[in-house]
Amino acid sequence: MKNGGDIPEIRRPSLFMAHPLDATTTVNLPAQCSTYILNTDATRNAAYSGVGSSTCDNPTPFGSNPTWVRFSGAAGTQLATTVVSSSLCSTSATGWYSGMMPSSAGTTNNGTVCYNWTGLSCWQSNTISVTNCNGYYVFLLPATPSCSYRYCTS
């Protein structure tokens, strides 16, 4: 009863009930999500099969210090995550990421890039870091182990 009277209080469900999936969560993204090199090179894409010289990522474009890189446009949006056939993406030894992509925004995973050469899918490898930047990934890429090796994208 409302206010001690004889009329019962009627409660109606709100049309705007809170739902856990509707909650807005603020994620503080790490610095690498705003300070990276943007790479849009189509010849890096695993689908690229153009004829030309074998391009390598040692020492350029990464040099002696690992560099945070975001891939976009014709390059694709991330490192390839499956074996890339030799001689694609404009190189001889094709690099692909065999690790797990981070699933939560703001988190970073370390993983292995394998280099496929003459049918050996992980002939050589190196370690990289990947950060989920809430809609895109950035990759901390060192120079590849040797020339004729390249990070391939998709």
N, C-alpha and C. Protein backbone atom coordinates (compact mmCIF):
# COMPACT_ATOMS: atom_id res chain seq x y z
N MET A 1 0.83 -1.17 0.00
CA MET A 1 0.00 0.00 0.00
C MET A 1 0.88 1.24 0.00
N LYS A 2 0.44 2.22 -0.72
CA LYS A 2 1.23 3.43 -0.83
C LYS A 2 0.79 4.42 0.24
N ASN A 3 1.77 4.94 0.94
CA ASN A 3 1.53 5.96 1.97
C ASN A 3 0.49 5.52 2.99
N GLY A 4 0.43 4.23 3.30
CA GLY A 4 -0.50 3.74 4.31
C GLY A 4 -1.94 3.77 3.88
N GLY A 5 -2.23 4.10 2.60
CA GLY A 5 -3.60 4.17 2.12
C GLY A 5 -4.08 2.82 1.64
N ASP A 6 -5.29 2.82 1.06
CA ASP A 6 -5.89 1.59 0.59
C ASP A 6 -5.55 1.28 -0.87
N ILE A 7 -4.85 2.19 -1.56
CA ILE A 7 -4.55 1.97 -2.97
C ILE A 7 -3.17 1.31 -3.07
N PRO A 8 -3.11 0.14 -3.70
CA PRO A 8 -1.82 -0.54 -3.82
C PRO A 8 -0.90 0.22 -4.78
N GLU A 9 0.38 0.18 -4.47
CA GLU A 9 1.38 0.81 -5.34
C GLU A 9 1.65 -0.13 -6.51
N ILE A 10 1.60 0.41 -7.70
CA ILE A 10 1.84 -0.39 -8.90
C ILE A 10 3.26 -0.11 -9.38
N ARG A 11 4.05 -1.16 -9.51
CA ARG A 11 5.42 -1.01 -10.00
C ARG A 11 5.49 -1.59 -11.40
N ARG A 12 5.92 -0.80 -12.32
CA ARG A 12 6.07 -1.25 -13.70
C ARG A 12 7.56 -1.36 -14.00
N PRO A 13 7.91 -2.34 -14.80
CA PRO A 13 9.33 -2.46 -15.16
C PRO A 13 9.75 -1.26 -16.02
N SER A 14 10.93 -0.82 -15.81
CA SER A 14 11.46 0.29 -16.59
C SER A 14 11.68 -0.13 -18.03
N LEU A 15 11.42 0.76 -18.95
CA LEU A 15 11.69 0.48 -20.35
C LEU A 15 13.18 0.55 -20.63
N PHE A 16 13.93 1.11 -19.72
CA PHE A 16 15.37 1.29 -19.90
C PHE A 16 16.14 0.56 -18.81
N MET A 17 15.92 -0.72 -18.72
CA MET A 17 16.60 -1.51 -17.71
C MET A 17 18.07 -1.67 -18.09
N ALA A 18 18.92 -1.61 -17.10
CA ALA A 18 20.36 -1.77 -17.35
C ALA A 18 20.65 -3.20 -17.75
N HIS A 19 21.53 -3.35 -18.71
CA HIS A 19 21.94 -4.68 -19.17
C HIS A 19 23.46 -4.71 -19.11
N PRO A 20 24.05 -5.78 -18.60
CA PRO A 20 25.50 -5.82 -18.45
C PRO A 20 26.26 -5.55 -19.74
N LEU A 21 25.71 -5.94 -20.89
CA LEU A 21 26.42 -5.74 -22.15
C LEU A 21 26.34 -4.30 -22.63
N ASP A 22 25.43 -3.52 -22.04
CA ASP A 22 25.28 -2.13 -22.45
C ASP A 22 26.25 -1.21 -21.71
N ALA A 23 26.88 -1.73 -20.68
CA ALA A 23 27.77 -0.89 -19.89
C ALA A 23 28.97 -0.45 -20.73
N THR A 24 29.35 0.79 -20.56
CA THR A 24 30.51 1.32 -21.27
C THR A 24 31.72 1.18 -20.36
N THR A 25 32.74 0.55 -20.89
CA THR A 25 33.96 0.35 -20.13
C THR A 25 35.08 1.16 -20.77
N THR A 26 35.78 1.90 -19.97
CA THR A 26 36.91 2.67 -20.46
C THR A 26 38.16 1.81 -20.31
N VAL A 27 38.91 1.70 -21.40
CA VAL A 27 40.15 0.93 -21.39
C VAL A 27 41.30 1.90 -21.61
N ASN A 28 42.26 1.86 -20.71
CA ASN A 28 43.46 2.67 -20.90
C ASN A 28 44.41 1.88 -21.78
N LEU A 29 44.61 2.37 -22.99
CA LEU A 29 45.47 1.67 -23.94
C LEU A 29 46.93 2.07 -23.72
N PRO A 30 47.84 1.12 -23.93
CA PRO A 30 49.26 1.43 -23.75
C PRO A 30 49.77 2.39 -24.83
N ALA A 31 50.91 2.99 -24.58
CA ALA A 31 51.49 4.01 -25.46
C ALA A 31 51.66 3.54 -26.89
N GLN A 32 52.00 2.28 -27.09
CA GLN A 32 52.24 1.78 -28.45
C GLN A 32 50.99 1.84 -29.33
N CYS A 33 49.82 1.99 -28.73
CA CYS A 33 48.58 2.10 -29.51
C CYS A 33 48.45 3.47 -30.18
N SER A 34 49.28 4.42 -29.79
CA SER A 34 49.24 5.74 -30.43
C SER A 34 50.59 6.16 -30.99
N THR A 35 51.64 5.41 -30.72
CA THR A 35 52.97 5.74 -31.25
C THR A 35 53.52 4.52 -31.98
N TYR A 36 53.22 4.44 -33.26
CA TYR A 36 53.63 3.30 -34.08
C TYR A 36 53.91 3.78 -35.49
N ILE A 37 54.54 2.93 -36.28
CA ILE A 37 54.74 3.20 -37.70
C ILE A 37 53.59 2.53 -38.44
N LEU A 38 52.94 3.26 -39.34
CA LEU A 38 51.85 2.71 -40.15
C LEU A 38 52.44 2.16 -41.44
N ASN A 39 52.15 0.89 -41.73
CA ASN A 39 52.66 0.24 -42.94
C ASN A 39 51.49 -0.20 -43.81
N THR A 40 51.44 0.29 -45.05
CA THR A 40 50.35 -0.04 -45.99
C THR A 40 50.87 -0.72 -47.25
N ASP A 41 52.07 -1.26 -47.20
CA ASP A 41 52.75 -1.85 -48.35
C ASP A 41 52.05 -3.11 -48.86
N ALA A 42 51.45 -3.02 -50.05
CA ALA A 42 50.71 -4.15 -50.64
C ALA A 42 51.61 -5.35 -50.92
N THR A 43 52.90 -5.13 -51.18
CA THR A 43 53.79 -6.25 -51.50
C THR A 43 54.06 -7.13 -50.28
N ARG A 44 53.71 -6.65 -49.10
CA ARG A 44 53.89 -7.41 -47.86
C ARG A 44 52.74 -8.40 -47.64
N ASN A 45 51.61 -8.18 -48.32
CA ASN A 45 50.43 -9.03 -48.14
C ASN A 45 50.70 -10.44 -48.65
N ALA A 46 50.25 -11.44 -47.89
CA ALA A 46 50.46 -12.85 -48.26
C ALA A 46 49.83 -13.20 -49.60
N ALA A 47 48.87 -12.41 -50.03
CA ALA A 47 48.22 -12.66 -51.32
C ALA A 47 49.03 -12.09 -52.49
N TYR A 48 50.07 -11.32 -52.19
CA TYR A 48 50.86 -10.69 -53.25
C TYR A 48 51.83 -11.71 -53.85
N SER A 49 51.74 -11.88 -55.14
CA SER A 49 52.61 -12.85 -55.82
C SER A 49 53.38 -12.21 -56.96
N GLY A 50 53.54 -10.90 -56.92
CA GLY A 50 54.25 -10.19 -57.98
C GLY A 50 55.69 -10.65 -58.11
N VAL A 51 56.18 -10.61 -59.32
CA VAL A 51 57.55 -11.00 -59.59
C VAL A 51 58.46 -9.82 -59.31
N GLY A 52 59.59 -10.09 -58.71
CA GLY A 52 60.54 -9.02 -58.42
C GLY A 52 61.64 -9.53 -57.52
N SER A 53 62.44 -8.62 -57.05
CA SER A 53 63.54 -9.02 -56.18
C SER A 53 63.01 -9.44 -54.82
N SER A 54 63.81 -10.23 -54.13
CA SER A 54 63.43 -10.68 -52.80
C SER A 54 63.69 -9.55 -51.80
N THR A 55 62.63 -9.10 -51.17
CA THR A 55 62.71 -8.01 -50.21
C THR A 55 62.94 -8.58 -48.82
N CYS A 56 63.68 -7.86 -47.99
CA CYS A 56 63.92 -8.37 -46.64
C CYS A 56 63.66 -7.29 -45.60
N ASP A 57 63.45 -7.72 -44.36
CA ASP A 57 63.22 -6.82 -43.24
C ASP A 57 64.44 -6.80 -42.32
N ASN A 58 65.63 -6.95 -42.91
CA ASN A 58 66.86 -6.89 -42.13
C ASN A 58 67.90 -6.15 -42.96
N PRO A 59 68.35 -4.98 -42.61
CA PRO A 59 68.02 -4.27 -41.38
C PRO A 59 66.81 -3.36 -41.51
N THR A 60 66.46 -2.95 -42.73
CA THR A 60 65.34 -2.02 -42.87
C THR A 60 64.06 -2.80 -43.10
N PRO A 61 62.89 -2.31 -42.80
CA PRO A 61 62.61 -0.98 -42.24
C PRO A 61 62.71 -0.92 -40.73
N PHE A 62 63.12 -2.02 -40.09
CA PHE A 62 63.05 -2.07 -38.63
C PHE A 62 64.36 -1.74 -37.94
N GLY A 63 65.48 -1.84 -38.63
CA GLY A 63 66.76 -1.48 -38.04
C GLY A 63 67.15 -2.38 -36.89
N SER A 64 68.04 -1.88 -36.05
CA SER A 64 68.56 -2.70 -34.96
C SER A 64 67.65 -2.70 -33.73
N ASN A 65 66.74 -1.75 -33.65
CA ASN A 65 65.83 -1.69 -32.50
C ASN A 65 64.43 -2.13 -32.92
N PRO A 66 63.78 -2.98 -32.11
CA PRO A 66 62.39 -3.36 -32.43
C PRO A 66 61.50 -2.12 -32.54
N THR A 67 60.54 -2.17 -33.46
CA THR A 67 59.67 -1.04 -33.76
C THR A 67 58.22 -1.47 -33.70
N TRP A 68 57.35 -0.63 -33.10
CA TRP A 68 55.91 -0.90 -33.10
C TRP A 68 55.36 -0.54 -34.47
N VAL A 69 54.64 -1.49 -35.08
CA VAL A 69 54.11 -1.32 -36.43
C VAL A 69 52.63 -1.67 -36.44
N ARG A 70 51.84 -0.85 -37.14
CA ARG A 70 50.43 -1.16 -37.41
C ARG A 70 50.29 -1.34 -38.92
N PHE A 71 49.64 -2.41 -39.32
CA PHE A 71 49.40 -2.67 -40.74
C PHE A 71 47.99 -2.23 -41.10
N SER A 72 47.85 -1.67 -42.31
CA SER A 72 46.55 -1.15 -42.74
C SER A 72 46.50 -1.11 -44.26
N GLY A 73 45.31 -0.88 -44.79
CA GLY A 73 45.14 -0.72 -46.23
C GLY A 73 45.51 -1.97 -47.00
N ALA A 74 46.22 -1.79 -48.11
CA ALA A 74 46.57 -2.90 -49.00
C ALA A 74 47.49 -3.93 -48.33
N ALA A 75 48.16 -3.54 -47.25
CA ALA A 75 49.01 -4.49 -46.53
C ALA A 75 48.18 -5.51 -45.76
N GLY A 76 46.92 -5.21 -45.49
CA GLY A 76 46.12 -6.03 -44.58
C GLY A 76 46.15 -5.39 -43.21
N THR A 77 45.65 -6.09 -42.21
CA THR A 77 45.55 -5.48 -40.88
C THR A 77 46.39 -6.15 -39.81
N GLN A 78 47.02 -7.26 -40.14
CA GLN A 78 47.82 -7.96 -39.14
C GLN A 78 48.82 -8.88 -39.82
N LEU A 79 49.74 -9.42 -39.03
CA LEU A 79 50.64 -10.43 -39.57
C LEU A 79 49.83 -11.65 -39.97
N ALA A 80 50.28 -12.34 -41.00
CA ALA A 80 49.63 -13.59 -41.40
C ALA A 80 49.69 -14.55 -40.22
N THR A 81 48.62 -15.31 -40.01
CA THR A 81 48.56 -16.25 -38.88
C THR A 81 48.53 -17.71 -39.34
N THR A 82 48.76 -17.92 -40.61
CA THR A 82 48.91 -19.28 -41.15
C THR A 82 50.16 -19.27 -42.03
N VAL A 83 50.66 -20.45 -42.31
CA VAL A 83 51.88 -20.58 -43.12
C VAL A 83 51.67 -19.90 -44.47
N VAL A 84 52.63 -19.08 -44.86
CA VAL A 84 52.60 -18.40 -46.16
C VAL A 84 53.60 -19.12 -47.06
N SER A 85 53.14 -19.51 -48.24
CA SER A 85 54.01 -20.22 -49.18
C SER A 85 55.27 -19.41 -49.49
N SER A 86 56.38 -20.11 -49.64
CA SER A 86 57.64 -19.46 -49.99
C SER A 86 57.47 -18.63 -51.26
N SER A 87 58.20 -17.56 -51.33
CA SER A 87 58.25 -16.66 -52.49
C SER A 87 57.00 -15.82 -52.68
N LEU A 88 56.11 -15.78 -51.69
CA LEU A 88 55.00 -14.82 -51.73
C LEU A 88 55.40 -13.61 -50.89
N CYS A 89 54.57 -12.64 -50.83
CA CYS A 89 54.76 -11.36 -50.12
C CYS A 89 56.14 -10.76 -50.42
N SER A 90 56.58 -10.97 -51.65
CA SER A 90 57.78 -10.34 -52.20
C SER A 90 59.06 -10.73 -51.46
N THR A 91 59.16 -12.00 -51.04
CA THR A 91 60.37 -12.47 -50.37
C THR A 91 60.55 -13.97 -50.56
N SER A 92 61.67 -14.48 -50.13
CA SER A 92 61.94 -15.92 -50.23
C SER A 92 61.45 -16.67 -48.99
N ALA A 93 61.85 -16.19 -47.80
CA ALA A 93 61.47 -16.83 -46.54
C ALA A 93 60.34 -16.01 -45.92
N THR A 94 59.13 -16.54 -45.98
CA THR A 94 57.92 -15.80 -45.58
C THR A 94 57.64 -15.94 -44.09
N GLY A 95 57.48 -14.80 -43.41
CA GLY A 95 57.23 -14.80 -41.98
C GLY A 95 55.75 -14.77 -41.66
N TRP A 96 55.34 -15.65 -40.73
CA TRP A 96 53.94 -15.72 -40.29
C TRP A 96 53.92 -15.91 -38.79
N TYR A 97 52.89 -15.36 -38.13
CA TYR A 97 52.78 -15.38 -36.67
C TYR A 97 52.11 -16.67 -36.22
N SER A 98 52.82 -17.45 -35.41
CA SER A 98 52.26 -18.73 -34.94
C SER A 98 51.72 -18.63 -33.52
N GLY A 99 51.76 -17.44 -32.92
CA GLY A 99 51.29 -17.27 -31.55
C GLY A 99 49.81 -16.92 -31.47
N MET A 100 49.37 -16.60 -30.27
CA MET A 100 47.98 -16.22 -30.01
C MET A 100 47.86 -14.69 -30.05
N MET A 101 46.81 -14.22 -30.72
CA MET A 101 46.52 -12.79 -30.73
C MET A 101 45.87 -12.44 -29.39
N PRO A 102 46.22 -11.31 -28.79
CA PRO A 102 45.59 -10.92 -27.52
C PRO A 102 44.11 -10.62 -27.76
N SER A 103 43.25 -11.13 -26.88
CA SER A 103 41.81 -10.99 -27.10
C SER A 103 41.21 -9.77 -26.39
N SER A 104 41.87 -9.26 -25.38
CA SER A 104 41.33 -8.11 -24.63
C SER A 104 42.06 -6.83 -25.00
N ALA A 105 41.30 -5.75 -25.13
CA ALA A 105 41.89 -4.45 -25.45
C ALA A 105 42.91 -4.05 -24.39
N GLY A 106 44.04 -3.55 -24.85
CA GLY A 106 45.08 -3.08 -23.95
C GLY A 106 46.06 -4.15 -23.49
N THR A 107 45.86 -5.39 -23.93
CA THR A 107 46.75 -6.47 -23.50
C THR A 107 47.78 -6.78 -24.59
N THR A 108 48.90 -7.33 -24.16
CA THR A 108 50.00 -7.67 -25.06
C THR A 108 50.38 -9.13 -24.87
N ASN A 109 50.56 -9.83 -25.97
CA ASN A 109 51.05 -11.22 -25.96
C ASN A 109 52.40 -11.27 -26.65
N ASN A 110 53.26 -12.16 -26.18
CA ASN A 110 54.50 -12.47 -26.87
C ASN A 110 54.28 -13.75 -27.64
N GLY A 111 54.89 -13.86 -28.80
CA GLY A 111 54.72 -15.07 -29.60
C GLY A 111 55.85 -15.21 -30.61
N THR A 112 55.72 -16.21 -31.43
CA THR A 112 56.77 -16.57 -32.38
C THR A 112 56.35 -16.29 -33.81
N VAL A 113 57.26 -15.68 -34.56
CA VAL A 113 57.11 -15.58 -36.00
C VAL A 113 57.99 -16.67 -36.60
N CYS A 114 57.38 -17.52 -37.42
CA CYS A 114 58.10 -18.58 -38.12
C CYS A 114 58.35 -18.14 -39.55
N TYR A 115 59.47 -18.58 -40.10
CA TYR A 115 59.81 -18.27 -41.49
C TYR A 115 59.78 -19.56 -42.30
N ASN A 116 58.88 -19.58 -43.28
CA ASN A 116 58.72 -20.73 -44.16
C ASN A 116 59.72 -20.61 -45.31
N TRP A 117 60.48 -21.67 -45.51
CA TRP A 117 61.44 -21.67 -46.61
C TRP A 117 61.54 -23.09 -47.14
N THR A 118 61.34 -23.23 -48.41
CA THR A 118 61.39 -24.51 -49.13
C THR A 118 60.60 -25.62 -48.44
N GLY A 119 59.41 -25.28 -47.98
CA GLY A 119 58.52 -26.28 -47.40
C GLY A 119 58.71 -26.53 -45.91
N LEU A 120 59.69 -25.91 -45.30
CA LEU A 120 59.88 -26.03 -43.85
C LEU A 120 59.17 -24.85 -43.21
N SER A 121 57.98 -25.10 -42.65
CA SER A 121 57.10 -24.01 -42.22
C SER A 121 57.66 -23.16 -41.08
N CYS A 122 58.59 -23.72 -40.31
CA CYS A 122 59.21 -22.93 -39.24
C CYS A 122 60.72 -23.17 -39.27
N TRP A 123 61.29 -22.90 -40.44
CA TRP A 123 62.71 -23.14 -40.68
C TRP A 123 63.56 -22.35 -39.70
N GLN A 124 63.22 -21.08 -39.49
CA GLN A 124 63.83 -20.24 -38.46
C GLN A 124 62.71 -19.41 -37.85
N SER A 125 63.01 -18.78 -36.70
CA SER A 125 61.96 -18.01 -36.02
C SER A 125 62.57 -16.89 -35.19
N ASN A 126 61.71 -15.99 -34.75
CA ASN A 126 62.08 -14.96 -33.78
C ASN A 126 60.83 -14.61 -32.96
N THR A 127 61.06 -13.94 -31.84
CA THR A 127 59.98 -13.59 -30.92
C THR A 127 59.55 -12.14 -31.15
N ILE A 128 58.23 -11.92 -31.12
CA ILE A 128 57.66 -10.58 -31.25
C ILE A 128 56.63 -10.37 -30.14
N SER A 129 56.13 -9.14 -30.04
CA SER A 129 55.01 -8.82 -29.15
C SER A 129 53.87 -8.26 -29.98
N VAL A 130 52.64 -8.54 -29.55
CA VAL A 130 51.43 -8.06 -30.22
C VAL A 130 50.53 -7.42 -29.17
N THR A 131 50.03 -6.21 -29.45
CA THR A 131 49.12 -5.53 -28.54
C THR A 131 47.77 -5.33 -29.21
N ASN A 132 46.70 -5.64 -28.48
CA ASN A 132 45.33 -5.39 -28.94
C ASN A 132 44.99 -3.95 -28.57
N CYS A 133 44.77 -3.12 -29.59
CA CYS A 133 44.48 -1.70 -29.38
C CYS A 133 43.01 -1.37 -29.58
N ASN A 134 42.13 -2.30 -29.20
CA ASN A 134 40.68 -2.08 -29.24
C ASN A 134 40.19 -1.76 -30.65
N GLY A 135 40.41 -2.67 -31.57
CA GLY A 135 39.95 -2.49 -32.95
C GLY A 135 41.05 -2.71 -33.96
N TYR A 136 42.27 -2.73 -33.51
CA TYR A 136 43.41 -3.03 -34.37
C TYR A 136 44.56 -3.55 -33.51
N TYR A 137 45.55 -4.12 -34.16
CA TYR A 137 46.72 -4.65 -33.47
C TYR A 137 47.96 -3.86 -33.86
N VAL A 138 48.90 -3.76 -32.94
CA VAL A 138 50.24 -3.27 -33.26
C VAL A 138 51.23 -4.36 -32.88
N PHE A 139 52.31 -4.42 -33.64
CA PHE A 139 53.30 -5.50 -33.51
C PHE A 139 54.67 -4.90 -33.23
N LEU A 140 55.35 -5.40 -32.21
CA LEU A 140 56.71 -4.98 -31.91
C LEU A 140 57.64 -5.90 -32.68
N LEU A 141 58.20 -5.38 -33.79
CA LEU A 141 58.94 -6.20 -34.73
C LEU A 141 60.42 -5.86 -34.73
N PRO A 142 61.26 -6.85 -34.42
CA PRO A 142 62.70 -6.67 -34.58
C PRO A 142 63.09 -6.96 -36.03
N ALA A 143 64.33 -6.67 -36.37
CA ALA A 143 64.82 -7.07 -37.69
C ALA A 143 64.70 -8.59 -37.79
N THR A 144 64.44 -9.08 -38.99
CA THR A 144 64.33 -10.53 -39.20
C THR A 144 65.71 -11.18 -39.05
N PRO A 145 65.75 -12.51 -38.86
CA PRO A 145 67.04 -13.18 -38.62
C PRO A 145 68.07 -13.00 -39.74
N SER A 146 67.63 -12.78 -40.95
CA SER A 146 68.56 -12.64 -42.06
C SER A 146 67.85 -11.93 -43.21
N CYS A 147 68.59 -11.60 -44.25
CA CYS A 147 67.97 -11.02 -45.42
C CYS A 147 67.23 -12.13 -46.18
N SER A 148 66.34 -11.75 -47.06
CA SER A 148 65.42 -12.65 -47.76
C SER A 148 64.35 -13.20 -46.83
N TYR A 149 64.22 -12.63 -45.62
CA TYR A 149 63.15 -12.95 -44.68
C TYR A 149 62.28 -11.70 -44.60
N ARG A 150 60.98 -11.93 -44.46
CA ARG A 150 60.08 -10.78 -44.39
C ARG A 150 58.83 -11.14 -43.59
N TYR A 151 58.31 -10.16 -42.84
CA TYR A 151 57.03 -10.32 -42.16
C TYR A 151 55.93 -10.19 -43.20
N CYS A 152 55.09 -11.22 -43.32
CA CYS A 152 53.97 -11.19 -44.27
C CYS A 152 52.68 -10.86 -43.53
N THR A 153 51.77 -10.22 -44.23
CA THR A 153 50.53 -9.75 -43.61
C THR A 153 49.30 -10.34 -44.29
N SER A 154 48.16 -10.14 -43.66
CA SER A 154 46.89 -10.58 -44.26
C SER A 154 45.79 -9.63 -43.82
